[in-house]
Amino acid sequence: MSSIVSPVPESGTALPYESGFAPEMQGRRAECDGGAPIVGTRYAGRQDFAGTLTGHYRDYGKYAWRWYLLAELTKKPEGYVHEAVWCDADSLFMAD
């Protein structure tokens, strides 16, 4: 998963992607999990989110690696300050 304000890689260029909208995903309740670095270590920890899919997605790479935008978060890690998160399609679990 990735916050909506993911940092640009050190190379200074973000990965190219195609944006789209999947109306069949809009409004569906979902959960996603992933990992994030633990500050001050070389390790990562699990993060869990729950909310409502907006229907917006981004496809990265030649063989689309799809990420959906999850908003109206009802579950998020302590200290997570963003209002939405990008979730890898393979890490989404539909709640409805």
N, C-alpha and C. Protein backbone atom coordinates (compact mmCIF):
# COMPACT_ATOMS: atom_id res chain seq x y z
N MET A 1 0.84 -1.16 0.00
CA MET A 1 0.00 0.00 0.00
C MET A 1 0.88 1.21 0.00
N SER A 2 0.29 2.30 -0.41
CA SER A 2 1.04 3.53 -0.56
C SER A 2 0.13 4.70 -0.19
N SER A 3 0.65 5.65 0.56
CA SER A 3 -0.17 6.81 0.88
C SER A 3 -0.41 7.61 -0.39
N ILE A 4 -1.33 8.53 -0.31
CA ILE A 4 -1.64 9.33 -1.49
C ILE A 4 -0.56 10.35 -1.79
N VAL A 5 0.39 10.49 -0.89
CA VAL A 5 1.50 11.42 -1.10
C VAL A 5 2.82 10.67 -1.02
N SER A 6 2.90 9.55 -1.72
CA SER A 6 4.12 8.75 -1.70
C SER A 6 5.30 9.55 -2.18
N PRO A 7 6.44 9.40 -1.54
CA PRO A 7 7.63 10.15 -1.97
C PRO A 7 8.10 9.71 -3.35
N VAL A 8 8.69 10.63 -4.07
CA VAL A 8 9.29 10.32 -5.37
C VAL A 8 10.60 9.59 -5.11
N PRO A 9 10.89 8.54 -5.87
CA PRO A 9 12.15 7.81 -5.67
C PRO A 9 13.36 8.74 -5.77
N GLU A 10 14.47 8.31 -5.19
CA GLU A 10 15.68 9.13 -5.17
C GLU A 10 16.16 9.53 -6.56
N SER A 11 15.78 8.76 -7.57
CA SER A 11 16.19 9.10 -8.94
C SER A 11 15.53 10.39 -9.40
N GLY A 12 14.51 10.84 -8.66
CA GLY A 12 13.82 12.09 -8.99
C GLY A 12 12.67 11.92 -9.96
N THR A 13 12.43 10.71 -10.43
CA THR A 13 11.32 10.48 -11.34
C THR A 13 10.41 9.41 -10.77
N ALA A 14 9.14 9.67 -10.81
CA ALA A 14 8.15 8.70 -10.34
C ALA A 14 7.93 7.65 -11.43
N LEU A 15 7.47 6.48 -11.03
CA LEU A 15 7.16 5.45 -12.00
C LEU A 15 5.98 5.89 -12.86
N PRO A 16 6.02 5.62 -14.16
CA PRO A 16 4.89 5.98 -15.02
C PRO A 16 3.69 5.08 -14.74
N TYR A 17 2.51 5.64 -14.85
CA TYR A 17 1.30 4.85 -14.63
C TYR A 17 0.17 5.40 -15.50
N GLU A 18 -0.84 4.55 -15.67
CA GLU A 18 -2.07 4.93 -16.37
C GLU A 18 -3.17 5.01 -15.33
N SER A 19 -3.90 6.11 -15.30
CA SER A 19 -5.01 6.27 -14.37
C SER A 19 -6.30 5.80 -15.03
N GLY A 20 -7.21 5.34 -14.21
CA GLY A 20 -8.50 4.92 -14.72
C GLY A 20 -9.56 4.92 -13.63
N PHE A 21 -10.75 4.54 -14.01
CA PHE A 21 -11.87 4.48 -13.08
C PHE A 21 -12.66 3.21 -13.35
N ALA A 22 -12.92 2.44 -12.29
CA ALA A 22 -13.69 1.20 -12.38
C ALA A 22 -14.99 1.39 -11.61
N PRO A 23 -16.09 1.72 -12.31
CA PRO A 23 -17.35 2.00 -11.61
C PRO A 23 -17.84 0.84 -10.75
N GLU A 24 -17.49 -0.39 -11.13
CA GLU A 24 -17.93 -1.55 -10.35
C GLU A 24 -17.26 -1.63 -8.98
N MET A 25 -16.17 -0.88 -8.79
CA MET A 25 -15.46 -0.87 -7.50
C MET A 25 -15.90 0.30 -6.61
N GLN A 26 -16.48 1.33 -7.21
CA GLN A 26 -16.85 2.53 -6.47
C GLN A 26 -17.88 2.21 -5.38
N GLY A 27 -17.58 2.66 -4.17
CA GLY A 27 -18.50 2.50 -3.05
C GLY A 27 -18.41 1.18 -2.32
N ARG A 28 -17.59 0.27 -2.79
CA ARG A 28 -17.45 -1.02 -2.11
C ARG A 28 -16.58 -0.87 -0.87
N ARG A 29 -17.02 -1.52 0.20
CA ARG A 29 -16.25 -1.54 1.44
C ARG A 29 -15.15 -2.58 1.30
N ALA A 30 -13.95 -2.23 1.73
CA ALA A 30 -12.82 -3.15 1.58
C ALA A 30 -11.80 -2.94 2.69
N GLU A 31 -10.93 -3.92 2.80
CA GLU A 31 -9.79 -3.84 3.71
C GLU A 31 -8.54 -4.16 2.89
N CYS A 32 -7.42 -3.59 3.29
CA CYS A 32 -6.16 -3.94 2.65
C CYS A 32 -5.07 -3.94 3.70
N ASP A 33 -4.04 -4.71 3.40
CA ASP A 33 -2.90 -4.75 4.32
C ASP A 33 -1.63 -4.64 3.51
N GLY A 34 -0.60 -4.29 4.19
CA GLY A 34 0.69 -4.13 3.53
C GLY A 34 1.74 -3.86 4.58
N GLY A 35 2.84 -3.32 4.15
CA GLY A 35 3.92 -3.04 5.09
C GLY A 35 4.50 -1.67 4.89
N ALA A 36 5.18 -1.22 5.89
CA ALA A 36 5.85 0.09 5.83
C ALA A 36 7.10 0.01 6.71
N PRO A 37 8.10 0.82 6.39
CA PRO A 37 9.32 0.81 7.20
C PRO A 37 9.05 1.21 8.64
N ILE A 38 9.76 0.58 9.56
CA ILE A 38 9.72 0.98 10.96
C ILE A 38 10.85 1.98 11.14
N VAL A 39 10.50 3.19 11.50
CA VAL A 39 11.47 4.28 11.61
C VAL A 39 12.61 3.88 12.53
N GLY A 40 13.82 4.16 12.08
CA GLY A 40 15.00 3.90 12.88
C GLY A 40 15.52 2.48 12.81
N THR A 41 14.89 1.64 11.95
CA THR A 41 15.35 0.27 11.81
C THR A 41 15.48 -0.06 10.32
N ARG A 42 15.91 -1.25 10.05
CA ARG A 42 15.94 -1.71 8.66
C ARG A 42 14.82 -2.72 8.42
N TYR A 43 13.81 -2.69 9.28
CA TYR A 43 12.70 -3.63 9.22
C TYR A 43 11.41 -2.93 8.81
N ALA A 44 10.44 -3.75 8.42
CA ALA A 44 9.11 -3.24 8.08
C ALA A 44 8.09 -3.92 8.99
N GLY A 45 6.96 -3.25 9.16
CA GLY A 45 5.88 -3.80 9.97
C GLY A 45 4.59 -3.83 9.17
N ARG A 46 3.63 -4.59 9.65
CA ARG A 46 2.34 -4.71 8.96
C ARG A 46 1.49 -3.49 9.25
N GLN A 47 0.69 -3.10 8.25
CA GLN A 47 -0.28 -2.03 8.39
C GLN A 47 -1.60 -2.52 7.83
N ASP A 48 -2.69 -2.21 8.53
CA ASP A 48 -4.02 -2.61 8.09
C ASP A 48 -4.90 -1.39 7.91
N PHE A 49 -5.70 -1.40 6.84
CA PHE A 49 -6.62 -0.32 6.53
C PHE A 49 -7.99 -0.88 6.20
N ALA A 50 -9.03 -0.11 6.46
CA ALA A 50 -10.40 -0.44 6.03
C ALA A 50 -11.05 0.87 5.62
N GLY A 51 -11.90 0.81 4.61
CA GLY A 51 -12.58 2.01 4.14
C GLY A 51 -13.44 1.71 2.93
N THR A 52 -13.64 2.71 2.11
CA THR A 52 -14.50 2.61 0.93
C THR A 52 -13.69 2.91 -0.33
N LEU A 53 -13.80 2.03 -1.31
CA LEU A 53 -13.09 2.24 -2.57
C LEU A 53 -13.74 3.36 -3.36
N THR A 54 -12.91 4.20 -3.96
CA THR A 54 -13.41 5.32 -4.76
C THR A 54 -13.71 4.92 -6.20
N GLY A 55 -13.11 3.83 -6.64
CA GLY A 55 -13.22 3.41 -8.04
C GLY A 55 -12.01 3.83 -8.86
N HIS A 56 -11.23 4.79 -8.36
CA HIS A 56 -10.04 5.25 -9.07
C HIS A 56 -8.93 4.21 -8.92
N TYR A 57 -8.18 4.03 -9.99
CA TYR A 57 -7.06 3.10 -9.94
C TYR A 57 -5.89 3.63 -10.75
N ARG A 58 -4.73 3.01 -10.50
CA ARG A 58 -3.52 3.29 -11.27
C ARG A 58 -2.92 1.96 -11.67
N ASP A 59 -2.53 1.85 -12.94
CA ASP A 59 -1.85 0.66 -13.44
C ASP A 59 -0.40 1.03 -13.71
N TYR A 60 0.51 0.28 -13.09
CA TYR A 60 1.94 0.50 -13.27
C TYR A 60 2.53 -0.62 -14.11
N GLY A 61 3.44 -0.28 -14.99
CA GLY A 61 4.21 -1.27 -15.73
C GLY A 61 3.53 -1.81 -16.97
N LYS A 62 4.32 -2.53 -17.75
CA LYS A 62 3.86 -3.12 -19.00
C LYS A 62 2.74 -4.14 -18.76
N TYR A 63 2.89 -4.94 -17.71
CA TYR A 63 1.86 -5.90 -17.31
C TYR A 63 1.22 -5.33 -16.05
N ALA A 64 0.12 -4.68 -16.26
CA ALA A 64 -0.51 -3.82 -15.25
C ALA A 64 -0.45 -4.37 -13.82
N TRP A 65 0.15 -3.56 -12.96
CA TRP A 65 0.17 -3.79 -11.53
C TRP A 65 -0.81 -2.78 -10.97
N ARG A 66 -2.04 -3.20 -10.67
CA ARG A 66 -3.14 -2.29 -10.34
C ARG A 66 -3.20 -1.96 -8.85
N TRP A 67 -3.42 -0.66 -8.59
CA TRP A 67 -3.61 -0.14 -7.24
C TRP A 67 -4.92 0.64 -7.22
N TYR A 68 -5.75 0.39 -6.19
CA TYR A 68 -7.04 1.09 -6.03
C TYR A 68 -6.95 2.09 -4.88
N LEU A 69 -7.69 3.18 -5.01
CA LEU A 69 -7.70 4.21 -3.96
C LEU A 69 -8.80 3.90 -2.94
N LEU A 70 -8.38 3.72 -1.69
CA LEU A 70 -9.27 3.44 -0.57
C LEU A 70 -9.38 4.71 0.27
N ALA A 71 -10.60 5.21 0.46
CA ALA A 71 -10.82 6.46 1.20
C ALA A 71 -11.85 6.22 2.32
N GLU A 72 -12.30 7.31 2.94
CA GLU A 72 -13.24 7.22 4.06
C GLU A 72 -12.78 6.12 5.02
N LEU A 73 -11.52 6.21 5.43
CA LEU A 73 -10.89 5.16 6.23
C LEU A 73 -11.56 5.01 7.60
N THR A 74 -11.92 3.78 7.91
CA THR A 74 -12.49 3.47 9.23
C THR A 74 -11.48 2.73 10.10
N LYS A 75 -10.41 2.27 9.47
CA LYS A 75 -9.32 1.61 10.19
C LYS A 75 -8.02 2.03 9.52
N LYS A 76 -7.07 2.49 10.33
CA LYS A 76 -5.77 2.88 9.81
C LYS A 76 -4.76 2.81 10.95
N PRO A 77 -3.48 2.73 10.63
CA PRO A 77 -2.47 2.66 11.69
C PRO A 77 -2.43 3.93 12.53
N GLU A 78 -2.07 3.76 13.77
CA GLU A 78 -1.91 4.91 14.67
C GLU A 78 -0.90 5.88 14.06
N GLY A 79 -1.27 7.15 14.02
CA GLY A 79 -0.38 8.17 13.49
C GLY A 79 -0.48 8.36 11.99
N TYR A 80 -1.27 7.56 11.29
CA TYR A 80 -1.42 7.72 9.84
C TYR A 80 -2.24 8.99 9.60
N VAL A 81 -1.68 9.96 8.90
CA VAL A 81 -2.31 11.28 8.80
C VAL A 81 -3.07 11.52 7.50
N HIS A 82 -2.98 10.60 6.55
CA HIS A 82 -3.64 10.80 5.26
C HIS A 82 -5.09 10.35 5.30
N GLU A 83 -5.90 10.89 4.39
CA GLU A 83 -7.32 10.56 4.35
C GLU A 83 -7.63 9.39 3.42
N ALA A 84 -6.64 8.92 2.68
CA ALA A 84 -6.83 7.81 1.74
C ALA A 84 -5.50 7.08 1.58
N VAL A 85 -5.57 5.91 0.95
CA VAL A 85 -4.38 5.11 0.72
C VAL A 85 -4.55 4.33 -0.58
N TRP A 86 -3.45 4.16 -1.33
CA TRP A 86 -3.46 3.33 -2.52
C TRP A 86 -3.17 1.90 -2.10
N CYS A 87 -4.01 0.95 -2.51
CA CYS A 87 -3.86 -0.45 -2.12
C CYS A 87 -3.64 -1.31 -3.36
N ASP A 88 -2.66 -2.18 -3.27
CA ASP A 88 -2.40 -3.17 -4.32
C ASP A 88 -3.65 -4.04 -4.46
N ALA A 89 -4.09 -4.26 -5.68
CA ALA A 89 -5.31 -5.05 -5.92
C ALA A 89 -5.22 -6.43 -5.28
N ASP A 90 -4.03 -7.02 -5.24
CA ASP A 90 -3.87 -8.35 -4.64
C ASP A 90 -3.89 -8.33 -3.11
N SER A 91 -3.87 -7.14 -2.53
CA SER A 91 -3.92 -7.02 -1.07
C SER A 91 -5.28 -6.53 -0.58
N LEU A 92 -6.27 -6.45 -1.50
CA LEU A 92 -7.63 -6.00 -1.14
C LEU A 92 -8.51 -7.18 -0.76
N PHE A 93 -9.32 -6.98 0.26
CA PHE A 93 -10.30 -7.97 0.71
C PHE A 93 -11.64 -7.25 0.77
N MET A 94 -12.59 -7.66 -0.06
CA MET A 94 -13.90 -7.00 -0.10
C MET A 94 -14.70 -7.36 1.14
N ALA A 95 -15.32 -6.34 1.75
CA ALA A 95 -16.10 -6.55 2.96
C ALA A 95 -17.59 -6.68 2.64
N ASP A 96 -17.97 -6.38 1.41
CA ASP A 96 -19.39 -6.51 1.05
C ASP A 96 -19.60 -7.52 -0.05
